[in-house]
């Protein structure tokens, strides 16, 4: 079974950049699609970005399009979320999640494996 651990969160000023990492263990990781979701205090968890098993297909929420980039390196069992031009509204706990379908999805219930989350705080 796949297990996921997020890292790279922290405090950053508005307009700055941050790179999140999702480290995976498990032999079948390369066959999973991976998504990033976030949840701010008082809000529901929302979709951020996703990448297919091959890394060739990606999907982004409109709110982060052009600012965030998702990528994966199956040889290193790692998925990254490069975040640029950060805004205070990006403040949230960010989670990575995996789905055995191998294809991107914005629907969180389709993801079977979740990490513990990493806090991202953007100050103005």
Protein backbone atom coordinates (compact mmCIF):
# COMPACT_ATOMS: atom_id res chain seq x y z
CA UNK A 1 0.00 0.00 0.00
CA UNK A 2 1.08 3.57 -0.73
CA UNK A 3 1.83 6.00 2.11
CA UNK A 4 2.30 9.74 1.65
CA UNK A 5 4.14 12.40 3.66
CA UNK A 6 4.00 16.12 2.84
CA UNK A 7 6.76 18.61 3.58
CA UNK A 8 7.90 22.09 2.61
CA UNK A 9 5.20 24.18 4.22
CA UNK A 10 5.96 27.32 6.16
CA UNK A 11 5.48 31.06 6.45
CA UNK A 12 6.02 33.20 3.37
CA UNK A 13 5.24 36.78 2.42
CA UNK A 14 2.65 37.56 -0.24
CA UNK A 15 4.21 37.39 -3.69
CA UNK A 16 6.75 34.84 -2.60
CA UNK A 17 7.25 31.21 -3.56
CA UNK A 18 7.18 27.89 -1.80
CA UNK A 19 7.75 24.31 -2.96
CA UNK A 20 5.81 21.49 -1.37
CA UNK A 21 6.88 17.87 -1.62
CA UNK A 22 4.91 14.67 -1.29
CA UNK A 23 7.12 11.70 -0.56
CA UNK A 24 5.61 8.30 -1.21
CA UNK A 25 6.44 4.80 -0.12
CA UNK A 26 5.06 1.72 -1.77
CA UNK A 27 5.92 -0.30 -4.82
CA UNK A 28 2.81 0.70 -6.78
CA UNK A 29 3.21 4.49 -6.42
CA UNK A 30 4.05 4.99 -10.08
CA UNK A 31 0.61 3.72 -11.09
CA UNK A 32 -1.26 6.27 -8.93
CA UNK A 33 -2.42 9.70 -9.88
CA UNK A 34 -1.68 12.30 -7.20
CA UNK A 35 -3.67 15.35 -6.23
CA UNK A 36 -3.13 18.30 -3.93
CA UNK A 37 -5.97 19.63 -1.81
CA UNK A 38 -6.08 22.38 0.78
CA UNK A 39 -8.23 23.36 3.72
CA UNK A 40 -8.30 26.77 5.36
CA UNK A 41 -9.79 27.35 8.84
CA UNK A 42 -13.57 27.47 8.63
CA UNK A 43 -13.59 26.26 5.03
CA UNK A 44 -14.15 22.96 3.30
CA UNK A 45 -11.29 21.08 1.73
CA UNK A 46 -10.84 22.10 -1.90
CA UNK A 47 -9.04 20.79 -4.94
CA UNK A 48 -5.79 22.47 -5.94
CA UNK A 49 -3.98 20.40 -8.57
CA UNK A 50 -3.49 16.86 -9.80
CA UNK A 51 -1.09 14.89 -11.98
CA UNK A 52 -1.64 11.57 -13.75
CA UNK A 53 0.48 8.47 -13.19
CA UNK A 54 2.69 9.31 -16.15
CA UNK A 55 3.06 13.00 -15.32
CA UNK A 56 1.79 13.90 -18.77
CA UNK A 57 -1.63 15.13 -17.70
CA UNK A 58 -2.25 17.85 -15.12
CA UNK A 59 -5.27 19.67 -13.77
CA UNK A 60 -5.49 22.90 -11.77
CA UNK A 61 -8.11 24.81 -9.88
CA UNK A 62 -8.94 28.14 -11.49
CA UNK A 63 -7.72 29.94 -8.39
CA UNK A 64 -4.16 28.66 -8.80
CA UNK A 65 -3.90 28.36 -12.58
CA UNK A 66 -0.73 30.04 -13.81
CA UNK A 67 0.73 30.30 -10.32
CA UNK A 68 1.12 26.69 -9.19
CA UNK A 69 2.84 23.83 -11.00
CA UNK A 70 2.49 20.15 -10.13
CA UNK A 71 5.08 17.61 -11.21
CA UNK A 72 6.25 14.13 -10.34
CA UNK A 73 9.38 12.03 -10.40
CA UNK A 74 8.41 8.38 -10.23
CA UNK A 75 12.04 7.30 -9.94
CA UNK A 76 12.22 9.24 -6.66
CA UNK A 77 8.65 8.46 -5.56
CA UNK A 78 8.00 12.17 -5.17
CA UNK A 79 5.41 14.71 -6.29
CA UNK A 80 6.02 18.46 -6.02
CA UNK A 81 3.80 21.49 -5.94
CA UNK A 82 5.68 24.64 -6.91
CA UNK A 83 3.75 27.65 -5.67
CA UNK A 84 4.56 31.15 -6.91
CA UNK A 85 2.97 34.58 -6.56
CA UNK A 86 1.43 33.44 -3.31
CA UNK A 87 -1.56 35.28 -1.90
CA UNK A 88 -2.95 35.42 1.65
CA UNK A 89 -5.96 33.41 0.43
CA UNK A 90 -3.58 30.53 -0.31
CA UNK A 91 -3.12 30.06 3.43
CA UNK A 92 -4.26 26.56 4.33
CA UNK A 93 -3.17 23.09 5.29
CA UNK A 94 -2.11 21.36 2.09
CA UNK A 95 -2.64 17.63 1.61
CA UNK A 96 -1.44 15.28 -1.07
CA UNK A 97 -3.57 12.32 -1.99
CA UNK A 98 -3.34 9.35 -4.33
CA UNK A 99 -5.89 7.52 -6.45
CA UNK A 100 -5.35 4.09 -7.95
CA UNK A 101 -7.21 5.04 -11.10
CA UNK A 102 -3.99 6.64 -12.33
CA UNK A 103 -5.84 9.63 -13.75
CA UNK A 104 -6.49 13.12 -12.44
CA UNK A 105 -9.67 13.90 -10.57
CA UNK A 106 -10.99 16.96 -8.75
CA UNK A 107 -13.28 14.81 -6.59
CA UNK A 108 -11.69 14.13 -3.23
CA UNK A 109 -13.64 10.95 -2.45
CA UNK A 110 -11.96 9.31 -5.42
CA UNK A 111 -8.62 9.50 -3.60
CA UNK A 112 -7.94 6.50 -1.40
CA UNK A 113 -4.67 7.51 0.29
CA UNK A 114 -3.98 10.80 2.09
CA UNK A 115 -1.00 12.40 3.75
CA UNK A 116 -1.01 14.21 7.09
CA UNK A 117 -0.84 17.70 5.61
CA UNK A 118 1.59 20.61 5.77
CA UNK A 119 0.75 24.17 6.84
CA UNK A 120 1.24 27.03 4.39
CA UNK A 121 0.80 30.56 5.73
CA UNK A 122 1.01 33.60 3.45
CA UNK A 123 1.28 36.98 5.14
CA UNK A 124 0.28 40.28 3.59
